[in-house]
Protein backbone atom coordinates (compact mmCIF):
# COMPACT_ATOMS: atom_id res chain seq x y z
CA UNK A 1 25.64 8.40 22.52
CA UNK A 2 27.99 6.09 21.63
CA UNK A 3 28.94 5.67 18.20
CA UNK A 4 27.96 1.70 18.20
CA UNK A 5 24.31 3.21 18.93
CA UNK A 6 24.29 5.55 15.84
CA UNK A 7 22.35 4.79 13.04
CA UNK A 8 24.71 4.72 10.88
CA UNK A 9 26.31 2.22 12.71
CA UNK A 10 23.15 -0.04 12.96
CA UNK A 11 22.54 -0.04 9.08
CA UNK A 12 25.82 -1.27 8.06
CA UNK A 13 26.19 -3.95 10.54
CA UNK A 14 22.88 -5.06 9.69
CA UNK A 15 23.91 -4.40 5.78
CA UNK A 16 26.27 -7.11 6.54
CA UNK A 17 23.78 -9.41 7.92
CA UNK A 18 22.41 -12.83 6.42
CA UNK A 19 18.87 -11.17 6.91
CA UNK A 20 17.29 -11.18 2.95
CA UNK A 21 14.73 -7.96 2.30
CA UNK A 22 11.79 -9.28 1.11
CA UNK A 23 10.43 -5.79 1.32
CA UNK A 24 10.86 -1.92 -0.06
CA UNK A 25 12.78 -0.44 -1.68
CA UNK A 26 13.01 -2.23 -4.83
CA UNK A 27 16.41 -2.54 -5.29
CA UNK A 28 17.13 -4.18 -2.72
CA UNK A 29 20.05 -2.88 -1.59
CA UNK A 30 21.87 -4.81 -4.86
CA UNK A 31 21.54 -1.66 -7.19
CA UNK A 32 24.36 1.08 -5.99
CA UNK A 33 26.39 3.92 -7.71
CA UNK A 34 30.15 4.17 -8.01
CA UNK A 35 30.39 7.47 -6.18
CA UNK A 36 30.49 8.64 -2.94
CA UNK A 37 26.55 10.20 -2.38
CA UNK A 38 28.12 13.07 -0.41
CA UNK A 39 30.28 14.17 -2.99
CA UNK A 40 26.96 14.72 -5.19
CA UNK A 41 24.94 16.41 -2.10
CA UNK A 42 24.35 19.64 -3.82
CA UNK A 43 21.46 22.84 -3.54
CA UNK A 44 20.61 24.93 -6.60
CA UNK A 45 23.83 26.07 -7.90
CA UNK A 46 24.92 27.29 -11.28
CA UNK A 47 23.98 24.74 -14.41
CA UNK A 48 22.05 22.34 -12.16
CA UNK A 49 18.57 23.87 -12.09
CA UNK A 50 15.94 24.32 -9.50
CA UNK A 51 13.08 22.07 -9.21
CA UNK A 52 10.48 24.80 -8.57
CA UNK A 53 11.16 26.41 -11.31
CA UNK A 54 13.29 24.17 -13.71
CA UNK A 55 14.32 25.74 -17.22
CA UNK A 56 17.25 23.31 -17.80
CA UNK A 57 18.78 20.27 -17.33
CA UNK A 58 15.44 19.31 -14.81
CA UNK A 59 13.10 20.74 -17.10
CA UNK A 60 15.10 18.24 -20.21
CA UNK A 61 14.88 15.68 -17.71
CA UNK A 62 11.03 15.65 -17.10
CA UNK A 63 10.39 16.33 -20.62
CA UNK A 64 12.25 13.17 -21.55
CA UNK A 65 10.42 11.21 -18.66
CA UNK A 66 7.61 12.39 -19.87
CA UNK A 67 8.19 10.81 -23.63
CA UNK A 68 9.38 7.26 -21.91
CA UNK A 69 5.61 7.19 -20.19
CA UNK A 70 3.81 8.62 -22.75
CA UNK A 71 1.84 11.03 -20.15
CA UNK A 72 1.57 14.98 -20.82
CA UNK A 73 3.23 15.67 -17.94
CA UNK A 74 5.88 13.63 -15.66
CA UNK A 75 6.72 15.47 -12.29
CA UNK A 76 9.49 14.44 -10.11
CA UNK A 77 8.45 14.25 -6.58
CA UNK A 78 11.31 14.02 -3.46
CA UNK A 79 8.68 14.03 -0.65
CA UNK A 80 7.67 10.46 -1.73
CA UNK A 81 3.91 9.49 -3.41
CA UNK A 82 2.32 11.33 -0.12
CA UNK A 83 2.95 14.78 -1.80
CA UNK A 84 1.89 13.33 -4.89
CA UNK A 85 -1.37 12.50 -3.62
CA UNK A 86 -2.12 15.58 -1.77
CA UNK A 87 -1.41 17.91 -4.94
CA UNK A 88 -3.45 15.69 -7.22
CA UNK A 89 -6.86 15.91 -4.78
CA UNK A 90 -6.26 19.90 -3.65
CA UNK A 91 -5.29 20.99 -7.51
CA UNK A 92 -8.91 18.96 -8.69
CA UNK A 93 -11.06 19.77 -5.78
CA UNK A 94 -11.58 22.83 -4.91
CA UNK A 95 -11.73 23.98 -1.18
CA UNK A 96 -15.21 22.15 0.11
CA UNK A 97 -15.53 20.31 -3.11
CA UNK A 98 -16.63 16.79 -3.20
CA UNK A 99 -14.13 13.93 -3.80
CA UNK A 100 -15.75 10.10 -4.23
CA UNK A 101 -12.78 7.98 -3.11
CA UNK A 102 -11.91 4.44 -2.74
CA UNK A 103 -12.31 3.25 1.19
CA UNK A 104 -9.22 1.51 0.85
CA UNK A 105 -6.73 5.29 0.44
CA UNK A 106 -3.54 5.56 1.97
CA UNK A 107 -4.14 8.20 4.56
CA UNK A 108 -2.32 10.28 2.97
CA UNK A 109 -5.45 10.71 0.50
CA UNK A 110 -7.50 11.52 3.76
CA UNK A 111 -5.30 14.11 4.98
CA UNK A 112 -5.41 15.64 1.38
CA UNK A 113 -9.36 15.86 2.19
CA UNK A 114 -9.08 17.17 5.77
CA UNK A 115 -6.87 20.47 4.63
CA UNK A 116 -9.51 21.07 1.91
CA UNK A 117 -12.52 20.54 3.90
CA UNK A 118 -14.00 18.32 1.43
CA UNK A 119 -16.85 15.79 1.71
CA UNK A 120 -16.13 12.32 0.38
CA UNK A 121 -18.10 9.24 -0.61
CA UNK A 122 -16.56 6.54 0.07
CA UNK A 123 -16.82 3.32 -2.36
CA UNK A 124 -15.91 -0.12 -0.97
CA UNK A 125 -13.89 -2.56 -2.96
CA UNK A 126 -15.15 -6.64 -3.19
CA UNK A 127 -13.61 -8.73 -0.40
CA UNK A 128 -12.18 -11.80 -1.28
CA UNK A 129 -13.65 -13.98 1.09
CA UNK A 130 -11.22 -17.10 0.89
CA UNK A 131 -8.49 -14.48 2.04
CA UNK A 132 -10.50 -12.10 3.29
CA UNK A 133 -8.54 -9.65 1.98
CA UNK A 134 -9.55 -6.18 -0.26
CA UNK A 135 -10.54 -6.92 -3.95
CA UNK A 136 -11.14 -4.54 -7.15
CA UNK A 137 -12.96 -1.33 -7.25
CA UNK A 138 -16.48 -2.38 -9.11
CA UNK A 139 -16.84 0.13 -12.32
CA UNK A 140 -21.03 -0.34 -11.50
CA UNK A 141 -20.17 1.11 -8.22
CA UNK A 142 -18.49 4.08 -9.54
CA UNK A 143 -21.21 4.69 -11.76
CA UNK A 144 -23.82 4.12 -9.50
CA UNK A 145 -22.26 6.91 -6.74
CA UNK A 146 -21.48 9.42 -9.57
CA UNK A 147 -25.14 9.14 -10.72
CA UNK A 148 -25.94 9.87 -6.97
CA UNK A 149 -22.72 12.86 -6.23
CA UNK A 150 -23.50 14.51 -9.26
CA UNK A 151 -21.61 17.39 -7.71
CA UNK A 152 -18.03 15.50 -7.26
CA UNK A 153 -15.24 17.07 -9.08
CA UNK A 154 -12.86 13.82 -9.05
CA UNK A 155 -12.87 10.18 -8.47
CA UNK A 156 -9.78 8.85 -6.47
CA UNK A 157 -8.71 5.05 -6.38
CA UNK A 158 -6.34 3.00 -5.40
CA UNK A 159 -4.68 0.09 -7.87
CA UNK A 160 -2.99 -1.99 -7.32
CA UNK A 161 -3.43 -2.25 -3.69
CA UNK A 162 -0.93 -3.34 -1.08
CA UNK A 163 -1.69 -6.76 -1.75
CA UNK A 164 -1.24 -6.39 -5.65
CA UNK A 165 -5.04 -6.30 -6.64
CA UNK A 166 -5.50 -4.63 -9.82
CA UNK A 167 -8.80 -2.78 -10.81
CA UNK A 168 -10.79 -2.56 -13.94
CA UNK A 169 -9.28 0.80 -14.30
CA UNK A 170 -9.83 1.63 -18.15
CA UNK A 171 -13.52 1.11 -17.25
CA UNK A 172 -13.61 3.39 -13.90
CA UNK A 173 -11.90 6.11 -16.23
CA UNK A 174 -14.85 5.81 -19.10
CA UNK A 175 -17.15 5.86 -16.55
CA UNK A 176 -15.61 8.84 -14.46
CA UNK A 177 -14.77 10.93 -18.25
CA UNK A 178 -19.02 11.02 -19.35
CA UNK A 179 -18.71 13.16 -16.14
CA UNK A 180 -15.70 15.47 -17.74
CA UNK A 181 -14.33 15.10 -14.46
CA UNK A 182 -10.74 13.42 -13.47
CA UNK A 183 -9.46 10.09 -12.54
CA UNK A 184 -6.89 9.98 -10.09
CA UNK A 185 -5.13 6.58 -9.33
CA UNK A 186 -3.11 6.55 -6.69
CA UNK A 187 -0.48 3.35 -8.14
CA UNK A 188 2.35 3.93 -5.86
CA UNK A 189 2.82 0.13 -5.74
CA UNK A 190 2.63 -0.31 -9.40
CA UNK A 191 5.54 1.70 -10.17
CA UNK A 192 6.82 -1.28 -12.65
CA UNK A 193 3.59 -1.59 -14.45
CA UNK A 194 4.69 0.37 -17.57
CA UNK A 195 8.24 -1.61 -17.75
CA UNK A 196 6.46 -5.08 -17.90
CA UNK A 197 3.88 -6.33 -20.65
CA UNK A 198 2.04 -8.55 -18.09
CA UNK A 199 -0.15 -5.92 -16.49
CA UNK A 200 -1.61 -2.62 -17.26
CA UNK A 201 -0.66 0.72 -16.04
CA UNK A 202 -3.29 3.36 -15.17
CA UNK A 203 -1.93 6.27 -17.21
CA UNK A 204 -2.65 3.87 -20.19
CA UNK A 205 -6.07 2.54 -19.41
CA UNK A 206 -7.14 6.28 -19.70
CA UNK A 207 -6.35 7.95 -15.75
CA UNK A 208 -5.91 11.67 -15.91
CA UNK A 209 -3.19 11.96 -12.94
CA UNK A 210 -1.25 8.34 -11.87
CA UNK A 211 1.07 8.92 -8.72
CA UNK A 212 3.94 5.91 -8.59
CA UNK A 213 6.52 5.04 -6.03
CA UNK A 214 9.86 4.20 -7.79
CA UNK A 215 11.32 3.09 -4.72
CA UNK A 216 8.50 0.33 -3.50
CA UNK A 217 9.95 -1.97 -6.55
CA UNK A 218 11.92 0.34 -8.78
CA UNK A 219 15.77 0.86 -8.35
CA UNK A 220 15.43 3.80 -6.92
CA UNK A 221 16.09 5.81 -3.17
CA UNK A 222 13.62 5.71 -0.56
CA UNK A 223 11.10 8.49 -0.61
CA UNK A 224 11.58 8.85 -4.39
CA UNK A 225 8.02 8.99 -6.92
CA UNK A 226 6.64 10.44 -9.82
CA UNK A 227 3.36 11.95 -10.90
CA UNK A 228 2.04 11.60 -14.17
CA UNK A 229 -0.57 13.66 -15.87
CA UNK A 230 -2.33 13.03 -19.06
CA UNK A 231 -5.34 14.63 -19.25
CA UNK A 232 -7.68 17.83 -20.50
CA UNK A 233 -9.55 18.03 -17.27
CA UNK A 234 -6.27 18.45 -15.23
CA UNK A 235 -5.16 22.68 -14.78
CA UNK A 236 -1.41 21.70 -14.68
CA UNK A 237 -0.98 25.28 -13.81
CA UNK A 238 -3.07 24.40 -10.09
CA UNK A 239 -0.71 20.96 -9.78
CA UNK A 240 2.63 22.59 -10.05
CA UNK A 241 1.72 25.73 -7.47
CA UNK A 242 0.49 22.65 -4.97
CA UNK A 243 3.42 20.46 -5.84
CA UNK A 244 5.64 23.67 -4.58
CA UNK A 245 3.44 23.50 -1.68
CA UNK A 246 3.64 20.16 -0.87
CA UNK A 247 7.38 19.17 -1.67
CA UNK A 248 10.87 20.82 0.46
CA UNK A 249 11.81 23.57 -0.53
CA UNK A 250 15.95 22.02 -0.23
CA UNK A 251 14.86 18.85 -2.56
CA UNK A 252 17.51 16.57 -2.58
CA UNK A 253 19.52 15.93 -5.95
CA UNK A 254 20.62 12.82 -4.38
CA UNK A 255 16.73 11.85 -4.96
CA UNK A 256 16.52 13.77 -8.28
CA UNK A 257 19.37 11.65 -9.71
CA UNK A 258 17.81 8.60 -8.15
CA UNK A 259 14.76 9.50 -10.10
CA UNK A 260 16.26 10.16 -13.18
CA UNK A 261 18.67 7.05 -13.03
CA UNK A 262 15.54 4.61 -12.00
CA UNK A 263 13.82 5.62 -15.41
CA UNK A 264 17.06 5.21 -17.35
CA UNK A 265 17.18 1.76 -16.42
CA UNK A 266 13.69 0.53 -16.42
CA UNK A 267 13.77 2.31 -20.00
CA UNK A 268 16.83 0.51 -20.67
CA UNK A 269 16.70 -3.20 -19.46
CA UNK A 270 13.39 -2.93 -17.83
CA UNK A 271 11.24 -5.07 -19.60
CA UNK A 272 13.61 -7.56 -20.30
CA UNK A 273 14.18 -7.84 -16.50
CA UNK A 274 10.49 -7.48 -15.35
CA UNK A 275 9.39 -10.50 -18.21
CA UNK A 276 12.25 -12.67 -16.52
CA UNK A 277 10.61 -11.95 -13.14
CA UNK A 278 7.55 -12.95 -14.17
CA UNK A 279 8.85 -16.38 -15.32
CA UNK A 280 10.49 -16.99 -12.56
CA UNK A 281 7.37 -16.06 -10.35
CA UNK A 282 5.08 -18.61 -12.33
CA UNK A 283 7.71 -21.20 -11.61
CA UNK A 284 8.14 -20.34 -8.38
CA UNK A 285 3.80 -20.15 -8.24
CA UNK A 286 3.58 -23.43 -9.49
CA UNK A 287 6.17 -25.57 -7.40
CA UNK A 288 4.11 -23.74 -4.32
CA UNK A 289 0.92 -24.74 -5.40
CA UNK A 290 1.03 -28.00 -3.15
CA UNK A 291 1.85 -26.64 0.27
CA UNK A 292 -0.68 -28.39 2.98
CA UNK A 293 -1.30 -25.44 5.08
CA UNK A 294 -0.12 -22.08 3.63
CA UNK A 295 -1.96 -20.49 1.02
CA UNK A 296 -0.66 -18.35 -2.23
CA UNK A 297 -2.78 -16.94 -4.44
CA UNK A 298 -2.01 -16.69 -8.02
CA UNK A 299 -3.31 -14.74 -11.39
CA UNK A 300 -5.50 -17.41 -12.08
CA UNK A 301 -7.00 -17.95 -8.75
CA UNK A 302 -8.13 -14.33 -8.35
CA UNK A 303 -8.53 -12.76 -11.49
CA UNK A 304 -12.17 -12.61 -12.99
CA UNK A 305 -13.21 -12.69 -9.03
CA UNK A 306 -14.59 -10.05 -6.47
CA UNK A 307 -13.82 -6.76 -9.18
CA UNK A 308 -9.98 -8.59 -9.35
CA UNK A 309 -9.21 -7.17 -12.72
CA UNK A 310 -5.21 -8.67 -12.34
CA UNK A 311 -3.40 -9.78 -9.94
CA UNK A 312 0.58 -8.50 -10.00
CA UNK A 313 2.22 -12.35 -8.48
CA UNK A 314 5.37 -10.03 -7.50
CA UNK A 315 3.06 -9.65 -4.16
CA UNK A 316 3.61 -12.90 -2.68
CA UNK A 317 0.93 -13.15 -0.44
CA UNK A 318 1.52 -16.12 2.28
CA UNK A 319 -1.70 -16.53 3.78
CA UNK A 320 -1.87 -18.59 7.34
CA UNK A 321 -5.69 -18.69 7.18
CA UNK A 322 -7.19 -21.16 9.02
CA UNK A 323 -3.69 -22.37 10.01
CA UNK A 324 -3.38 -23.57 13.99
CA UNK A 325 -0.44 -23.74 15.80
CA UNK A 326 0.81 -26.20 19.43
CA UNK A 327 1.22 -23.80 22.00
CA UNK A 328 2.65 -26.68 24.18
CA UNK A 329 3.69 -30.29 23.37
CA UNK A 330 0.28 -32.88 23.28
CA UNK A 331 0.93 -36.36 23.08
CA UNK A 332 -3.12 -36.91 22.73
CA UNK A 333 -3.30 -36.20 18.95
CA UNK A 334 -6.70 -38.00 19.21
CA UNK A 335 -9.01 -35.74 20.52
CA UNK A 336 -8.53 -32.19 19.63
CA UNK A 337 -6.10 -30.18 21.71
CA UNK A 338 -7.07 -26.99 23.51
CA UNK A 339 -3.72 -25.23 23.35
CA UNK A 340 -4.70 -24.72 19.81
CA UNK A 341 -3.79 -21.02 18.74
CA UNK A 342 -4.35 -19.62 15.38
CA UNK A 343 -1.58 -18.42 13.20
CA UNK A 344 -1.62 -14.67 12.71
CA UNK A 345 0.76 -12.52 10.12
CA UNK A 346 2.91 -11.62 13.09
CA UNK A 347 3.78 -15.11 14.10
CA UNK A 348 4.18 -15.83 10.57
CA UNK A 349 6.39 -12.98 10.23
CA UNK A 350 8.37 -13.45 13.26
CA UNK A 351 8.89 -17.14 12.56
CA UNK A 352 10.07 -16.39 8.83
CA UNK A 353 12.43 -13.42 10.64
CA UNK A 354 14.11 -15.25 13.46
CA UNK A 355 14.31 -18.75 12.02
CA UNK A 356 14.86 -18.07 8.43
CA UNK A 357 16.92 -14.64 8.30
CA UNK A 358 13.90 -13.47 5.99
CA UNK A 359 12.31 -10.20 6.08
CA UNK A 360 8.44 -9.66 5.00
CA UNK A 361 6.92 -6.17 3.89
CA UNK A 362 4.00 -6.76 6.39
CA UNK A 363 2.13 -8.57 8.51
CA UNK A 364 -1.28 -8.37 8.68
CA UNK A 365 -4.08 -10.61 10.49
CA UNK A 366 -3.50 -13.70 9.22
CA UNK A 367 -0.89 -13.54 6.68
CA UNK A 368 2.22 -11.56 5.44
CA UNK A 369 3.55 -10.01 2.35
CA UNK A 370 6.48 -10.31 0.03
CA UNK A 371 7.53 -8.11 -2.16
CA UNK A 372 9.62 -9.79 -5.40
CA UNK A 373 11.34 -7.51 -7.74
CA UNK A 374 13.79 -7.76 -10.90
CA UNK A 375 16.12 -6.98 -8.62
CA UNK A 376 16.09 -10.32 -6.14
CA UNK A 377 18.35 -12.91 -6.94
CA UNK A 378 17.99 -16.74 -7.59
CA UNK A 379 18.86 -17.36 -3.90
CA UNK A 380 16.22 -15.07 -2.77
CA UNK A 381 13.65 -17.62 -4.74
CA UNK A 382 15.64 -20.25 -3.00
CA UNK A 383 15.53 -19.08 0.75
CA UNK A 384 11.90 -18.18 0.69
CA UNK A 385 11.28 -21.44 -1.14
CA UNK A 386 12.47 -23.85 1.40
CA UNK A 387 11.84 -21.70 4.12
CA UNK A 388 7.92 -21.94 3.29
CA UNK A 389 8.13 -25.58 2.39
CA UNK A 390 9.80 -26.11 6.24
CA UNK A 391 7.31 -24.39 7.96
CA UNK A 392 4.55 -25.35 5.96
CA UNK A 393 5.51 -28.74 7.48
CA UNK A 394 5.56 -27.99 10.53
CA UNK A 395 1.90 -26.20 10.63
CA UNK A 396 0.59 -29.42 8.88
CA UNK A 397 1.56 -31.47 11.56
CA UNK A 398 -0.14 -29.64 14.10
CA UNK A 399 -3.29 -28.91 11.99
CA UNK A 400 -4.74 -32.52 12.62
CA UNK A 401 -8.91 -31.62 12.66
CA UNK A 402 -9.70 -30.14 9.48
CA UNK A 403 -13.16 -30.01 10.32
CA UNK A 404 -12.20 -28.12 13.88
CA UNK A 405 -10.30 -25.92 11.75
CA UNK A 406 -13.03 -25.23 8.96
CA UNK A 407 -15.57 -24.22 12.01
CA UNK A 408 -13.06 -21.86 13.22
CA UNK A 409 -13.17 -19.40 10.27
CA UNK A 410 -12.56 -15.79 11.02
CA UNK A 411 -14.45 -13.08 9.26
CA UNK A 412 -12.24 -10.29 9.87
CA UNK A 413 -13.10 -6.69 9.03
CA UNK A 414 -10.79 -5.00 6.94
CA UNK A 415 -12.28 -1.30 7.99
CA UNK A 416 -15.80 -0.33 9.08
CA UNK A 417 -18.67 -0.42 6.51
CA UNK A 418 -20.01 2.49 8.64
CA UNK A 419 -21.47 5.55 6.88
CA UNK A 420 -20.16 8.93 7.17
CA UNK A 421 -22.27 11.07 9.73
CA UNK A 422 -24.23 13.08 6.57
CA UNK A 423 -22.90 16.19 6.04
CA UNK A 424 -20.01 15.99 7.78
CA UNK A 425 -16.26 15.99 6.59
CA UNK A 426 -13.35 14.21 8.03
CA UNK A 427 -11.99 17.58 9.17
CA UNK A 428 -15.35 18.56 10.67
CA UNK A 429 -15.22 15.13 12.37
CA UNK A 430 -11.75 16.25 13.97
CA UNK A 431 -12.98 19.29 15.56
CA UNK A 432 -16.00 18.33 17.48
CA UNK A 433 -16.31 18.23 21.03
CA UNK A 434 -14.92 15.12 22.37
CA UNK A 435 -13.99 12.39 25.46
CA UNK A 436 -11.80 10.30 26.10
CA UNK A 437 -13.07 6.48 26.96
CA UNK A 438 -11.76 3.19 27.42
CA UNK A 439 -11.57 1.23 24.22
CA UNK A 440 -13.35 -1.56 25.00
CA UNK A 441 -16.44 0.50 26.10
CA UNK A 442 -16.33 2.16 22.24
CA UNK A 443 -18.66 0.02 20.40
CA UNK A 444 -21.41 1.94 18.27
CA UNK A 445 -19.45 5.59 19.59
CA UNK A 446 -18.59 8.14 16.62
CA UNK A 447 -14.53 8.38 16.48
CA UNK A 448 -12.46 11.50 16.94
CA UNK A 449 -9.63 9.91 15.45
CA UNK A 450 -7.93 8.01 12.55
CA UNK A 451 -7.24 4.53 13.56
CA UNK A 452 -5.17 2.18 11.09
CA UNK A 453 -2.24 -0.68 11.37
CA UNK A 454 0.95 0.44 10.04
CA UNK A 455 1.47 -0.66 7.43
CA UNK A 456 -0.49 -0.17 5.06
CA UNK A 457 -1.85 3.16 6.42
CA UNK A 458 -5.44 2.27 5.49
CA UNK A 459 -7.45 3.38 7.99
CA UNK A 460 -9.42 1.15 9.70
CA UNK A 461 -11.85 3.98 11.24
CA UNK A 462 -12.30 7.37 9.85
CA UNK A 463 -13.21 10.01 12.27
CA UNK A 464 -16.60 10.51 11.94
CA UNK A 465 -17.13 6.96 11.09
CA UNK A 466 -19.38 4.71 13.84
CA UNK A 467 -16.97 1.78 15.96
CA UNK A 468 -19.27 -1.03 15.17
CA UNK A 469 -19.29 -3.94 17.10
CA UNK A 470 -17.39 -6.72 14.76
CA UNK A 471 -14.43 -3.51 14.48
CA UNK A 472 -14.15 -3.05 17.58
CA UNK A 473 -13.63 -6.50 18.53
CA UNK A 474 -11.20 -6.78 15.90
CA UNK A 475 -9.26 -4.09 17.56
CA UNK A 476 -9.15 -5.46 20.65
CA UNK A 477 -7.64 -8.57 18.99
CA UNK A 478 -4.82 -6.87 16.72
CA UNK A 479 -4.08 -5.13 20.44
CA UNK A 480 -3.86 -8.30 22.47
CA UNK A 481 -1.96 -9.83 19.26
CA UNK A 482 0.60 -6.77 19.45
CA UNK A 483 -0.17 -5.29 15.75
CA UNK A 484 1.15 -1.85 15.29
CA UNK A 485 -1.97 0.46 15.93
CA UNK A 486 -1.28 4.04 14.82
CA UNK A 487 -3.30 6.88 14.51
CA UNK A 488 -5.22 7.57 18.36
CA UNK A 489 -3.35 10.04 20.70
CA UNK A 490 -2.95 7.10 22.87
CA UNK A 491 -0.17 5.74 21.80
CA UNK A 492 -1.53 2.00 24.30
CA UNK A 493 -4.01 2.57 22.42
CA UNK A 494 -5.96 2.20 25.98
CA UNK A 495 -8.41 4.74 25.39
CA UNK A 496 -9.52 6.23 22.40
CA UNK A 497 -11.03 9.86 21.42
CA UNK A 498 -14.25 10.08 20.14
CA UNK A 499 -17.30 12.41 20.02
CA UNK A 500 -19.88 13.47 22.96
CA UNK A 501 -22.47 12.16 22.64
CA UNK A 502 -26.06 14.55 22.29
């Protein structure tokens, strides 16, 4: 390989370009150290403690972090939130036990289910129909599920979602605690919540285990996270044992140092920085409220409906739902042109990347997601604002028939609403006799594979779920439009592995 093709060389070249990151990590490539990282890349030498058996400086550091978050215990994670989620599930639900979990969990939570051969009952988030995104988890649904599944040993939910939707964690925690079992909250996308007065942290709302990805929104290196415990329902010795299993036996001191420095900076001036960010975001949303085609939801437009308890406006969801674009030059503006194509997230992301050099966090079916943090510049706000106004003007010229556009409203499944076969766990479904069949013939067949779009990594179909016709149509749609479908063994997704019919 030529030196110019090495990843380091490509990264250095990209770092000096004018492409702006509206994506994680939260430091936005602006918060650096005044030291060569190679010089501090060490192992467990004398005086520097051991993350898997902390007795010295790392024990003191995690005790200090616990006091910052007002937790019973705080653990540093160098394998990302993934290892925290796996450890939390393994520690709270015994092998073969039952877990109630929200259907929009990250794939790592389902991996925890598989590893422990758990039975699960899924609870579905509400749907925000005007945007067709996942809303919040209704506390009443949690209560009903617990009344049915009285043998459940823990409840696992996601709040906030990838899109910034916050559920009523406090009420859910009260419901769960009546059964004297723990509530686990994947707060990976809300690591900044404890440092702002604008948003409620799950830890303060009564959750027993909270996992946060520091790198997603705070100034920390990728792959860094923390796990907090604040509960009498969690066996911390068992939890620590699983943390040793799921974390690297050679934890990086660069990552550990990044975690500690991140918390230090957030405690020092995080509240001021984040409160200032939300003031900027408020002005930003007000200015963009006059867009003609693109839609950007706000706290006022979402909260109080569809089980949305709060909305994190630092997640800028740019929706092109019901927007259409011209495929070719059409002179006749009086009739509905036949060369109109709906604007999807992939097209929108490509426009922002190629024409304006703005890199989004995620492209979804008909929207893109931009993440803003306290470490974004004023220029970042200006560039995104100007680009969206310019792009909206172009789209507005193409959207010439409102009645026709409204008639084309799309109902896009965010995941299957099929129920897992009774008595079947996901691990069992993965190992049942299966066969390969063409994707287009998979309607009403039971999947033997995960199918998800990454990011965000939330399964559209689980092993053991029926691939319903609406979901199949959407998978075909995703494939046709070039979305990154992952999970199936066939990377081209021409065929899927499904259970043999009996």
